[in-house]
Structure formats: C-alpha cells, structure tokens
Amino acid sequence: MMNHKNMELLAKFRKAADYQKKAIQALFPDTMNEHFDVIENELKLMLIEAIYEIHKSEKKYTEDLKNVFAENKEDIKKESCAKKVTIS
C-alpha cells in the first residue's frame, strides 16, 4: 500500500519523465513526434505482455489480473496508429 509521501514521489517521477519526453521530442521535427508515440505504445504493450508472462509462469495469475492486463492492452492498442509491417 502506498502512503502519501510515496504518491507524491511517484507524481514527481511521472512529471519528470514527461518533461524528459518533451525535451527529447523537441530535438526532432514535429513530423517525427508521431513515431515517438507509436514506439511508446509498443513498449507499453511489450511490458504488459512480459509482466503477464512472468505472473502466468509463477502461478500468481488470477482472473482479476488477467482482466487488468486485457484492459490495459486494449487501451494501448486503441491509442496506437501503427501499421503492421512484415519484415522478411
């Protein structure tokens, strides 16, 4: 359980991360910012899938956890505008 100080610290980390993201995007033309959004969404999906697999393999997987992963995955996929590209 998180206490008030932990919540404040987490909020500060998120704010700092947002500033870093904006600083990096400022280095590139505006047309490239969409690429950053796609990459960010893909990394979020990869993280969700990795956590899902770890919990599944350790038998800590529950229906509640399954629903949380499914909801997050669907939300991120809705935000994504990436097109699947097959590389051979």
N, C-alpha and C. Protein backbone atom coordinates (compact mmCIF):
# COMPACT_ATOMS: atom_id res chain seq x y z
N MET A 1 0.83 -1.17 0.00
CA MET A 1 0.00 0.00 0.00
C MET A 1 0.89 1.25 0.00
N MET A 2 0.52 2.22 -0.80
CA MET A 2 1.32 3.43 -0.92
C MET A 2 0.83 4.49 0.06
N ASN A 3 1.79 5.13 0.71
CA ASN A 3 1.41 6.22 1.59
C ASN A 3 1.49 7.54 0.82
N HIS A 4 1.17 8.62 1.50
CA HIS A 4 1.11 9.93 0.86
C HIS A 4 2.45 10.36 0.27
N LYS A 5 3.53 10.14 0.99
CA LYS A 5 4.86 10.54 0.50
C LYS A 5 5.25 9.76 -0.75
N ASN A 6 4.92 8.48 -0.76
CA ASN A 6 5.22 7.67 -1.95
C ASN A 6 4.43 8.15 -3.15
N MET A 7 3.17 8.52 -2.92
CA MET A 7 2.33 9.01 -4.01
C MET A 7 2.89 10.32 -4.57
N GLU A 8 3.36 11.20 -3.68
CA GLU A 8 3.95 12.46 -4.11
C GLU A 8 5.22 12.21 -4.93
N LEU A 9 6.05 11.30 -4.46
CA LEU A 9 7.28 10.97 -5.16
C LEU A 9 6.99 10.38 -6.54
N LEU A 10 6.02 9.51 -6.60
CA LEU A 10 5.62 8.91 -7.87
C LEU A 10 5.12 9.98 -8.84
N ALA A 11 4.34 10.92 -8.34
CA ALA A 11 3.84 12.02 -9.18
C ALA A 11 5.01 12.86 -9.71
N LYS A 12 6.01 13.10 -8.88
CA LYS A 12 7.18 13.86 -9.31
C LYS A 12 7.96 13.11 -10.38
N PHE A 13 8.11 11.80 -10.21
CA PHE A 13 8.81 10.99 -11.22
C PHE A 13 8.06 11.04 -12.56
N ARG A 14 6.75 10.94 -12.50
CA ARG A 14 5.96 10.98 -13.73
C ARG A 14 6.09 12.33 -14.42
N LYS A 15 6.07 13.40 -13.63
CA LYS A 15 6.21 14.74 -14.18
C LYS A 15 7.59 14.90 -14.82
N ALA A 16 8.63 14.42 -14.15
CA ALA A 16 9.99 14.49 -14.68
C ALA A 16 10.10 13.69 -15.98
N ALA A 17 9.50 12.52 -16.01
CA ALA A 17 9.53 11.70 -17.22
C ALA A 17 8.83 12.40 -18.37
N ASP A 18 7.73 13.10 -18.08
CA ASP A 18 7.02 13.84 -19.12
C ASP A 18 7.88 14.96 -19.66
N TYR A 19 8.60 15.66 -18.77
CA TYR A 19 9.50 16.73 -19.22
C TYR A 19 10.63 16.17 -20.07
N GLN A 20 11.16 15.01 -19.69
CA GLN A 20 12.23 14.40 -20.48
C GLN A 20 11.73 14.01 -21.87
N LYS A 21 10.53 13.47 -21.92
CA LYS A 21 9.94 13.08 -23.19
C LYS A 21 9.79 14.31 -24.09
N LYS A 22 9.29 15.40 -23.54
CA LYS A 22 9.10 16.62 -24.32
C LYS A 22 10.45 17.19 -24.78
N ALA A 23 11.47 17.10 -23.93
CA ALA A 23 12.79 17.61 -24.29
C ALA A 23 13.38 16.82 -25.45
N ILE A 24 13.23 15.51 -25.41
CA ILE A 24 13.75 14.67 -26.50
C ILE A 24 12.99 14.94 -27.78
N GLN A 25 11.67 15.05 -27.69
CA GLN A 25 10.86 15.31 -28.88
C GLN A 25 11.18 16.68 -29.47
N ALA A 26 11.59 17.64 -28.65
CA ALA A 26 11.91 18.97 -29.15
C ALA A 26 13.16 18.96 -30.03
N LEU A 27 13.97 17.95 -29.90
CA LEU A 27 15.18 17.85 -30.71
C LEU A 27 14.90 17.43 -32.15
N PHE A 28 13.71 16.91 -32.40
CA PHE A 28 13.37 16.37 -33.71
C PHE A 28 12.24 17.18 -34.35
N PRO A 29 12.10 17.07 -35.66
CA PRO A 29 10.98 17.77 -36.33
C PRO A 29 9.62 17.25 -35.82
N ASP A 30 8.63 18.11 -35.88
CA ASP A 30 7.29 17.74 -35.40
C ASP A 30 6.73 16.51 -36.10
N THR A 31 7.13 16.31 -37.35
CA THR A 31 6.62 15.16 -38.09
C THR A 31 7.07 13.83 -37.49
N MET A 32 8.14 13.85 -36.71
CA MET A 32 8.66 12.62 -36.11
C MET A 32 7.99 12.29 -34.77
N ASN A 33 7.28 13.23 -34.18
CA ASN A 33 6.66 13.00 -32.87
C ASN A 33 5.66 11.86 -32.89
N GLU A 34 5.00 11.68 -34.00
CA GLU A 34 4.06 10.56 -34.12
C GLU A 34 4.79 9.23 -33.99
N HIS A 35 6.00 9.17 -34.50
CA HIS A 35 6.80 7.95 -34.38
C HIS A 35 7.12 7.65 -32.92
N PHE A 36 7.42 8.70 -32.15
CA PHE A 36 7.69 8.51 -30.73
C PHE A 36 6.47 7.94 -30.01
N ASP A 37 5.29 8.42 -30.37
CA ASP A 37 4.06 7.93 -29.74
C ASP A 37 3.84 6.45 -30.05
N VAL A 38 4.10 6.06 -31.29
CA VAL A 38 3.95 4.65 -31.69
C VAL A 38 4.94 3.78 -30.91
N ILE A 39 6.19 4.23 -30.84
CA ILE A 39 7.22 3.47 -30.12
C ILE A 39 6.85 3.34 -28.65
N GLU A 40 6.37 4.43 -28.05
CA GLU A 40 5.97 4.40 -26.64
C GLU A 40 4.85 3.39 -26.41
N ASN A 41 3.85 3.39 -27.27
CA ASN A 41 2.75 2.44 -27.13
C ASN A 41 3.21 1.00 -27.29
N GLU A 42 4.11 0.77 -28.23
CA GLU A 42 4.63 -0.59 -28.43
C GLU A 42 5.42 -1.06 -27.21
N LEU A 43 6.22 -0.17 -26.63
CA LEU A 43 6.98 -0.54 -25.43
C LEU A 43 6.05 -0.84 -24.25
N LYS A 44 4.97 -0.08 -24.13
CA LYS A 44 3.99 -0.35 -23.07
C LYS A 44 3.37 -1.73 -23.26
N LEU A 45 3.02 -2.06 -24.52
CA LEU A 45 2.45 -3.38 -24.79
C LEU A 45 3.45 -4.49 -24.46
N MET A 46 4.71 -4.28 -24.81
CA MET A 46 5.74 -5.29 -24.52
C MET A 46 5.87 -5.49 -23.01
N LEU A 47 5.84 -4.41 -22.25
CA LEU A 47 5.94 -4.50 -20.80
C LEU A 47 4.75 -5.25 -20.21
N ILE A 48 3.56 -4.92 -20.68
CA ILE A 48 2.36 -5.60 -20.19
C ILE A 48 2.44 -7.10 -20.48
N GLU A 49 2.87 -7.45 -21.68
CA GLU A 49 2.97 -8.86 -22.05
C GLU A 49 4.04 -9.58 -21.23
N ALA A 50 5.15 -8.90 -20.96
CA ALA A 50 6.22 -9.50 -20.16
C ALA A 50 5.74 -9.76 -18.73
N ILE A 51 5.07 -8.79 -18.13
CA ILE A 51 4.54 -8.95 -16.78
C ILE A 51 3.52 -10.08 -16.74
N TYR A 52 2.66 -10.12 -17.75
CA TYR A 52 1.65 -11.17 -17.86
C TYR A 52 2.31 -12.55 -17.89
N GLU A 53 3.35 -12.70 -18.70
CA GLU A 53 4.03 -13.99 -18.83
C GLU A 53 4.74 -14.39 -17.53
N ILE A 54 5.34 -13.43 -16.85
CA ILE A 54 6.01 -13.72 -15.58
C ILE A 54 5.01 -14.21 -14.55
N HIS A 55 3.92 -13.50 -14.42
CA HIS A 55 2.90 -13.89 -13.44
C HIS A 55 2.28 -15.23 -13.80
N LYS A 56 2.08 -15.45 -15.10
CA LYS A 56 1.50 -16.71 -15.55
C LYS A 56 2.43 -17.88 -15.25
N SER A 57 3.73 -17.68 -15.47
CA SER A 57 4.69 -18.77 -15.25
C SER A 57 4.92 -19.04 -13.77
N GLU A 58 4.70 -18.04 -12.93
CA GLU A 58 4.90 -18.21 -11.49
C GLU A 58 3.61 -18.61 -10.77
N LYS A 59 2.59 -18.90 -11.52
CA LYS A 59 1.30 -19.34 -10.97
C LYS A 59 0.66 -18.29 -10.07
N LYS A 60 1.01 -17.02 -10.27
CA LYS A 60 0.41 -15.94 -9.49
C LYS A 60 -0.70 -15.27 -10.29
N TYR A 61 -1.07 -15.91 -11.35
CA TYR A 61 -2.02 -15.36 -12.30
C TYR A 61 -3.44 -15.61 -11.81
N THR A 62 -4.23 -14.56 -11.74
CA THR A 62 -5.63 -14.69 -11.33
C THR A 62 -6.52 -14.09 -12.41
N GLU A 63 -7.81 -14.31 -12.30
CA GLU A 63 -8.74 -13.73 -13.26
C GLU A 63 -8.73 -12.21 -13.19
N ASP A 64 -8.61 -11.65 -11.99
CA ASP A 64 -8.57 -10.20 -11.84
C ASP A 64 -7.37 -9.63 -12.58
N LEU A 65 -6.22 -10.27 -12.41
CA LEU A 65 -5.00 -9.82 -13.08
C LEU A 65 -5.16 -9.95 -14.59
N LYS A 66 -5.77 -11.02 -15.02
CA LYS A 66 -5.99 -11.23 -16.45
C LYS A 66 -6.83 -10.09 -17.02
N ASN A 67 -7.87 -9.69 -16.30
CA ASN A 67 -8.73 -8.60 -16.77
C ASN A 67 -7.99 -7.27 -16.82
N VAL A 68 -7.15 -7.01 -15.82
CA VAL A 68 -6.37 -5.77 -15.80
C VAL A 68 -5.44 -5.71 -17.01
N PHE A 69 -4.74 -6.81 -17.29
CA PHE A 69 -3.84 -6.84 -18.44
C PHE A 69 -4.61 -6.66 -19.74
N ALA A 70 -5.73 -7.32 -19.85
CA ALA A 70 -6.52 -7.23 -21.08
C ALA A 70 -7.02 -5.80 -21.31
N GLU A 71 -7.49 -5.14 -20.25
CA GLU A 71 -7.98 -3.77 -20.38
C GLU A 71 -6.86 -2.82 -20.78
N ASN A 72 -5.71 -2.93 -20.12
CA ASN A 72 -4.58 -2.05 -20.45
C ASN A 72 -4.11 -2.28 -21.88
N LYS A 73 -4.05 -3.53 -22.27
CA LYS A 73 -3.58 -3.86 -23.61
C LYS A 73 -4.53 -3.27 -24.66
N GLU A 74 -5.83 -3.39 -24.43
CA GLU A 74 -6.81 -2.86 -25.38
C GLU A 74 -6.75 -1.34 -25.43
N ASP A 75 -6.58 -0.69 -24.28
CA ASP A 75 -6.48 0.78 -24.25
C ASP A 75 -5.28 1.26 -25.05
N ILE A 76 -4.16 0.60 -24.89
CA ILE A 76 -2.95 1.00 -25.61
C ILE A 76 -3.11 0.74 -27.10
N LYS A 77 -3.72 -0.39 -27.45
CA LYS A 77 -3.92 -0.69 -28.87
C LYS A 77 -4.84 0.33 -29.52
N LYS A 78 -5.85 0.82 -28.79
CA LYS A 78 -6.74 1.83 -29.34
C LYS A 78 -6.00 3.12 -29.64
N GLU A 79 -5.03 3.48 -28.78
CA GLU A 79 -4.24 4.69 -28.97
C GLU A 79 -3.25 4.55 -30.11
N SER A 80 -2.84 3.34 -30.39
CA SER A 80 -1.79 3.11 -31.38
C SER A 80 -2.31 3.34 -32.79
N CYS A 81 -1.49 3.97 -33.61
CA CYS A 81 -1.85 4.15 -35.01
C CYS A 81 -0.84 3.44 -35.90
N ALA A 82 -0.11 2.50 -35.31
CA ALA A 82 0.93 1.77 -36.05
C ALA A 82 0.30 0.76 -36.99
N LYS A 83 0.96 0.57 -38.11
CA LYS A 83 0.53 -0.43 -39.07
C LYS A 83 1.50 -1.59 -38.99
N LYS A 84 0.99 -2.81 -39.09
CA LYS A 84 1.85 -3.98 -39.03
C LYS A 84 2.67 -4.06 -40.31
N VAL A 85 3.96 -4.26 -40.13
CA VAL A 85 4.86 -4.40 -41.28
C VAL A 85 5.58 -5.72 -41.13
N THR A 86 5.53 -6.53 -42.17
CA THR A 86 6.21 -7.81 -42.17
C THR A 86 7.61 -7.64 -42.75
N ILE A 87 8.59 -8.03 -41.99
CA ILE A 87 9.97 -7.93 -42.43
C ILE A 87 10.48 -9.33 -42.72
N SER A 88 10.93 -9.53 -43.95
CA SER A 88 11.41 -10.87 -44.30
C SER A 88 12.86 -10.87 -44.65
